[in-house]
N, C-alpha and C. Protein backbone atom coordinates (compact mmCIF):
# COMPACT_ATOMS: atom_id res chain seq x y z
N MET A 1 -5.85 -11.60 11.83
CA MET A 1 -6.35 -12.21 10.61
C MET A 1 -6.91 -11.15 9.67
N ILE A 2 -7.57 -10.14 10.25
CA ILE A 2 -8.12 -9.07 9.42
C ILE A 2 -7.01 -8.30 8.73
N LEU A 3 -5.89 -8.09 9.44
CA LEU A 3 -4.74 -7.39 8.86
C LEU A 3 -4.21 -8.15 7.65
N VAL A 4 -4.14 -9.46 7.73
CA VAL A 4 -3.65 -10.28 6.62
C VAL A 4 -4.56 -10.11 5.40
N ILE A 5 -5.86 -10.14 5.63
CA ILE A 5 -6.82 -10.01 4.53
C ILE A 5 -6.72 -8.63 3.89
N LEU A 6 -6.63 -7.58 4.73
CA LEU A 6 -6.53 -6.23 4.18
C LEU A 6 -5.22 -6.01 3.43
N LEU A 7 -4.13 -6.52 3.98
CA LEU A 7 -2.84 -6.40 3.27
C LEU A 7 -2.89 -7.11 1.92
N ALA A 8 -3.51 -8.27 1.88
CA ALA A 8 -3.61 -9.02 0.62
C ALA A 8 -4.48 -8.28 -0.39
N ILE A 9 -5.61 -7.76 0.05
CA ILE A 9 -6.52 -7.05 -0.86
C ILE A 9 -5.86 -5.79 -1.41
N PHE A 10 -5.29 -4.97 -0.51
CA PHE A 10 -4.65 -3.74 -0.97
C PHE A 10 -3.40 -4.01 -1.78
N GLY A 11 -2.65 -5.07 -1.44
CA GLY A 11 -1.46 -5.43 -2.20
C GLY A 11 -1.79 -5.86 -3.62
N ILE A 12 -2.81 -6.70 -3.76
CA ILE A 12 -3.23 -7.14 -5.09
C ILE A 12 -3.77 -5.96 -5.89
N GLY A 13 -4.53 -5.09 -5.23
CA GLY A 13 -5.07 -3.90 -5.90
C GLY A 13 -3.97 -2.97 -6.38
N ALA A 14 -2.95 -2.77 -5.56
CA ALA A 14 -1.84 -1.89 -5.94
C ALA A 14 -1.06 -2.46 -7.12
N ILE A 15 -0.90 -3.78 -7.14
CA ILE A 15 -0.15 -4.39 -8.24
C ILE A 15 -0.96 -4.36 -9.54
N THR A 16 -2.24 -4.68 -9.47
CA THR A 16 -3.03 -4.78 -10.70
C THR A 16 -3.37 -3.41 -11.29
N LYS A 17 -3.71 -2.44 -10.42
CA LYS A 17 -4.06 -1.11 -10.93
C LYS A 17 -2.85 -0.26 -11.23
N GLY A 18 -1.73 -0.54 -10.57
CA GLY A 18 -0.53 0.28 -10.76
C GLY A 18 -0.67 1.63 -10.08
N GLU A 19 -1.56 1.71 -9.10
CA GLU A 19 -1.82 2.96 -8.40
C GLU A 19 -2.36 2.63 -7.02
N PHE A 20 -1.90 3.38 -6.01
CA PHE A 20 -2.36 3.15 -4.65
C PHE A 20 -2.56 4.51 -3.98
N GLN A 21 -3.76 4.78 -3.54
CA GLN A 21 -4.06 6.07 -2.92
C GLN A 21 -3.78 5.97 -1.43
N ILE A 22 -2.81 6.77 -0.95
CA ILE A 22 -2.40 6.76 0.44
C ILE A 22 -3.38 7.59 1.29
N THR A 23 -3.61 8.82 0.88
CA THR A 23 -4.58 9.69 1.56
C THR A 23 -5.51 10.26 0.51
N LYS A 24 -6.39 11.14 0.94
CA LYS A 24 -7.35 11.75 0.01
C LYS A 24 -6.64 12.53 -1.09
N ASN A 25 -5.51 13.15 -0.76
CA ASN A 25 -4.82 14.03 -1.71
C ASN A 25 -3.47 13.51 -2.17
N ARG A 26 -3.10 12.29 -1.79
CA ARG A 26 -1.79 11.75 -2.19
C ARG A 26 -1.94 10.32 -2.66
N ARG A 27 -1.21 9.99 -3.74
CA ARG A 27 -1.23 8.63 -4.26
C ARG A 27 0.15 8.25 -4.77
N VAL A 28 0.35 6.95 -4.85
CA VAL A 28 1.58 6.39 -5.39
C VAL A 28 1.20 5.69 -6.69
N SER A 29 1.98 5.91 -7.74
CA SER A 29 1.64 5.28 -9.02
C SER A 29 2.90 4.70 -9.65
N GLY A 30 2.69 3.89 -10.65
CA GLY A 30 3.78 3.29 -11.40
C GLY A 30 4.46 2.17 -10.66
N SER A 31 5.78 2.08 -10.85
CA SER A 31 6.53 0.97 -10.26
C SER A 31 6.57 1.06 -8.74
N ASN A 32 6.52 2.27 -8.18
CA ASN A 32 6.50 2.40 -6.72
C ASN A 32 5.25 1.76 -6.14
N SER A 33 4.14 1.87 -6.83
CA SER A 33 2.90 1.24 -6.38
C SER A 33 3.03 -0.28 -6.40
N LYS A 34 3.66 -0.80 -7.41
CA LYS A 34 3.84 -2.25 -7.50
C LYS A 34 4.78 -2.76 -6.41
N ILE A 35 5.79 -1.97 -6.07
CA ILE A 35 6.69 -2.34 -4.98
C ILE A 35 5.93 -2.36 -3.66
N LEU A 36 5.09 -1.36 -3.44
CA LEU A 36 4.27 -1.35 -2.22
C LEU A 36 3.34 -2.55 -2.17
N GLY A 37 2.78 -2.91 -3.30
CA GLY A 37 1.91 -4.08 -3.36
C GLY A 37 2.65 -5.36 -3.00
N VAL A 38 3.87 -5.50 -3.48
CA VAL A 38 4.68 -6.67 -3.15
C VAL A 38 5.03 -6.68 -1.67
N ILE A 39 5.37 -5.51 -1.11
CA ILE A 39 5.66 -5.43 0.33
C ILE A 39 4.45 -5.88 1.13
N MET A 40 3.27 -5.42 0.74
CA MET A 40 2.06 -5.80 1.46
C MET A 40 1.75 -7.29 1.34
N LEU A 41 1.95 -7.86 0.16
CA LEU A 41 1.70 -9.30 -0.01
C LEU A 41 2.70 -10.15 0.76
N ILE A 42 3.96 -9.74 0.76
CA ILE A 42 4.97 -10.47 1.53
C ILE A 42 4.65 -10.38 3.02
N GLY A 43 4.25 -9.20 3.47
CA GLY A 43 3.88 -9.03 4.87
C GLY A 43 2.70 -9.90 5.26
N ALA A 44 1.71 -10.00 4.36
CA ALA A 44 0.55 -10.84 4.64
C ALA A 44 0.95 -12.31 4.73
N ALA A 45 1.82 -12.74 3.84
CA ALA A 45 2.26 -14.14 3.86
C ALA A 45 3.12 -14.43 5.10
N LEU A 46 4.02 -13.52 5.43
CA LEU A 46 4.89 -13.74 6.59
C LEU A 46 4.11 -13.67 7.90
N ASN A 47 3.04 -12.91 7.91
CA ASN A 47 2.25 -12.79 9.13
C ASN A 47 1.62 -14.12 9.54
N LEU A 48 1.43 -15.00 8.59
CA LEU A 48 0.89 -16.32 8.91
C LEU A 48 1.90 -17.15 9.70
N PHE A 49 3.21 -16.87 9.52
CA PHE A 49 4.25 -17.63 10.19
C PHE A 49 4.87 -16.86 11.35
N ILE A 50 5.05 -15.56 11.17
CA ILE A 50 5.66 -14.71 12.20
C ILE A 50 4.62 -13.67 12.59
N GLY A 51 4.25 -13.64 13.84
CA GLY A 51 3.13 -12.83 14.31
C GLY A 51 3.15 -11.36 13.96
N GLY A 52 4.24 -10.65 14.13
CA GLY A 52 4.26 -9.21 13.92
C GLY A 52 4.68 -8.77 12.55
N ALA A 53 4.90 -9.68 11.63
CA ALA A 53 5.41 -9.32 10.30
C ALA A 53 4.40 -8.48 9.52
N GLY A 54 3.12 -8.73 9.70
CA GLY A 54 2.11 -7.96 8.98
C GLY A 54 2.10 -6.52 9.41
N LEU A 55 2.24 -6.28 10.70
CA LEU A 55 2.27 -4.92 11.21
C LEU A 55 3.52 -4.19 10.73
N VAL A 56 4.65 -4.88 10.72
CA VAL A 56 5.89 -4.29 10.22
C VAL A 56 5.74 -3.93 8.74
N ALA A 57 5.15 -4.83 7.95
CA ALA A 57 4.94 -4.57 6.53
C ALA A 57 4.01 -3.39 6.33
N LEU A 58 2.99 -3.26 7.16
CA LEU A 58 2.06 -2.14 7.06
C LEU A 58 2.77 -0.83 7.34
N VAL A 59 3.59 -0.79 8.37
CA VAL A 59 4.33 0.43 8.70
C VAL A 59 5.31 0.79 7.59
N VAL A 60 6.02 -0.20 7.06
CA VAL A 60 6.97 0.05 5.97
C VAL A 60 6.23 0.57 4.74
N ALA A 61 5.09 -0.03 4.41
CA ALA A 61 4.32 0.40 3.24
C ALA A 61 3.83 1.84 3.41
N ILE A 62 3.39 2.20 4.60
CA ILE A 62 2.92 3.56 4.83
C ILE A 62 4.07 4.56 4.72
N VAL A 63 5.20 4.25 5.34
CA VAL A 63 6.34 5.16 5.30
C VAL A 63 6.87 5.33 3.88
N VAL A 64 7.07 4.23 3.18
CA VAL A 64 7.56 4.30 1.80
C VAL A 64 6.53 4.98 0.90
N GLY A 65 5.26 4.66 1.12
CA GLY A 65 4.21 5.27 0.32
C GLY A 65 4.14 6.77 0.50
N LEU A 66 4.20 7.24 1.72
CA LEU A 66 4.16 8.68 1.96
C LEU A 66 5.40 9.37 1.42
N ALA A 67 6.54 8.68 1.47
CA ALA A 67 7.78 9.28 0.97
C ALA A 67 7.78 9.40 -0.55
N THR A 68 7.09 8.50 -1.24
CA THR A 68 7.12 8.52 -2.71
C THR A 68 5.81 8.99 -3.33
N ALA A 69 4.86 9.41 -2.51
CA ALA A 69 3.55 9.80 -3.03
C ALA A 69 3.61 11.15 -3.74
N GLU A 70 2.69 11.32 -4.65
CA GLU A 70 2.56 12.59 -5.37
C GLU A 70 1.19 13.18 -5.03
N ASN A 71 1.12 14.49 -5.10
CA ASN A 71 -0.14 15.16 -4.81
C ASN A 71 -1.14 14.94 -5.94
N ILE A 72 -2.39 14.78 -5.57
CA ILE A 72 -3.47 14.67 -6.54
C ILE A 72 -4.03 16.07 -6.73
N GLU A 73 -4.02 16.52 -7.96
CA GLU A 73 -4.54 17.85 -8.24
C GLU A 73 -6.06 17.82 -8.20
N SER A 74 -6.62 18.67 -7.38
CA SER A 74 -8.07 18.72 -7.29
C SER A 74 -8.60 19.76 -8.26
N SER A 75 -9.72 19.45 -8.87
CA SER A 75 -10.32 20.39 -9.81
C SER A 75 -11.06 21.47 -9.03
N PRO A 76 -11.05 22.69 -9.51
CA PRO A 76 -11.76 23.75 -8.79
C PRO A 76 -13.25 23.50 -8.77
N SER A 77 -13.84 23.71 -7.60
CA SER A 77 -15.28 23.49 -7.48
C SER A 77 -16.04 24.68 -8.05
N ALA A 78 -17.22 24.38 -8.59
CA ALA A 78 -18.00 25.42 -9.26
C ALA A 78 -18.82 26.23 -8.29
C-alpha cells in the first residue's frame, strides 16, 4: 500500500513539475519526466488489481529514468 501511495505522489509530481530528480546529481526533465510520471501512475493503479505491477512499474521507471537522466551541474563551493 505504501508503494502505491509513493508511486502516485511521485508520478503526480513528475507530471506537474515536468522534472523528476533520480539521484542527487541526476534528473529527468521535459517530456521524459511526464512519461515517467504516467508510468508511475499506471503502476500505482494496476497494483490495486495485480499484486506485483507496482514493483514492475517502479523498476521500469528507475531504469528509464537513469537511461534518460541528465547531470545536474553543481556550483563551485566557496
